């Protein structure tokens, strides 16, 4: 595999990981917003949103136990 294809694949994997994280965060935020009657939950929602927007590295399969 040439370098351009390798870089492209790595970018796709990273984007897929980020998209999955953001979707999970949005589902959690929606659940919190729909079920809470307290204005105090807005602090938790804001904290969760900020954490979801921070980039992260995809998990390394070589470091997983049992893989």
Protein backbone atom coordinates (compact mmCIF):
# COMPACT_ATOMS: atom_id res chain seq x y z
CA UNK A 1 0.00 0.00 0.00
CA UNK A 2 1.46 3.35 -0.93
CA UNK A 3 1.84 6.23 1.51
CA UNK A 4 -1.09 8.25 0.16
CA UNK A 5 -3.49 5.32 0.58
CA UNK A 6 -2.12 4.62 4.05
CA UNK A 7 -2.58 8.26 5.11
CA UNK A 8 -6.08 8.33 3.61
CA UNK A 9 -7.05 5.16 5.46
CA UNK A 10 -5.66 6.52 8.73
CA UNK A 11 -7.71 9.70 8.29
CA UNK A 12 -10.88 7.70 7.61
CA UNK A 13 -10.32 5.60 10.73
CA UNK A 14 -9.72 8.72 12.83
CA UNK A 15 -12.82 10.45 11.44
CA UNK A 16 -14.96 7.36 12.00
CA UNK A 17 -13.77 7.26 15.61
CA UNK A 18 -14.54 10.96 16.14
CA UNK A 19 -17.96 10.64 14.51
CA UNK A 20 -18.85 7.72 16.76
CA UNK A 21 -17.80 9.67 19.87
CA UNK A 22 -19.81 12.72 18.82
CA UNK A 23 -22.92 10.67 18.05
CA UNK A 24 -22.73 8.98 21.45
CA UNK A 25 -22.35 12.37 23.15
CA UNK A 26 -25.31 13.82 21.26
CA UNK A 27 -27.51 10.87 22.22
CA UNK A 28 -26.53 11.28 25.86
CA UNK A 29 -27.14 15.05 25.74
CA UNK A 30 -30.56 14.51 24.16
CA UNK A 31 -31.50 11.95 26.83
CA UNK A 32 -30.36 14.28 29.60
CA UNK A 33 -32.26 17.22 28.14
CA UNK A 34 -35.47 15.23 27.62
CA UNK A 35 -35.56 13.57 31.04
CA UNK A 36 -34.34 16.35 33.30
CA UNK A 37 -36.55 18.99 34.83
CA UNK A 38 -33.66 20.74 36.56
CA UNK A 39 -31.81 23.72 35.17
CA UNK A 40 -28.72 22.39 36.96
CA UNK A 41 -28.38 19.69 34.31
CA UNK A 42 -27.32 22.38 31.83
CA UNK A 43 -23.92 22.46 33.54
CA UNK A 44 -23.53 18.73 32.99
CA UNK A 45 -24.68 19.01 29.38
CA UNK A 46 -22.19 21.82 28.72
CA UNK A 47 -19.37 19.80 30.31
CA UNK A 48 -20.25 16.75 28.23
CA UNK A 49 -20.41 18.81 25.03
CA UNK A 50 -16.98 20.36 25.67
CA UNK A 51 -15.48 16.94 26.38
CA UNK A 52 -16.99 15.52 23.20
CA UNK A 53 -15.50 18.31 21.10
CA UNK A 54 -11.98 17.65 22.38
CA UNK A 55 -10.20 15.42 19.85
CA UNK A 56 -9.01 11.99 20.86
CA UNK A 57 -6.95 9.24 19.32
CA UNK A 58 -8.64 6.08 18.07
CA UNK A 59 -8.12 3.10 20.34
CA UNK A 60 -5.05 1.04 19.49
CA UNK A 61 -6.19 -2.57 18.89
CA UNK A 62 -2.72 -3.84 19.81
CA UNK A 63 -3.17 -2.52 23.35
CA UNK A 64 -6.56 -4.10 23.95
CA UNK A 65 -6.64 -7.09 26.23
CA UNK A 66 -8.14 -10.23 24.81
CA UNK A 67 -7.66 -9.12 21.22
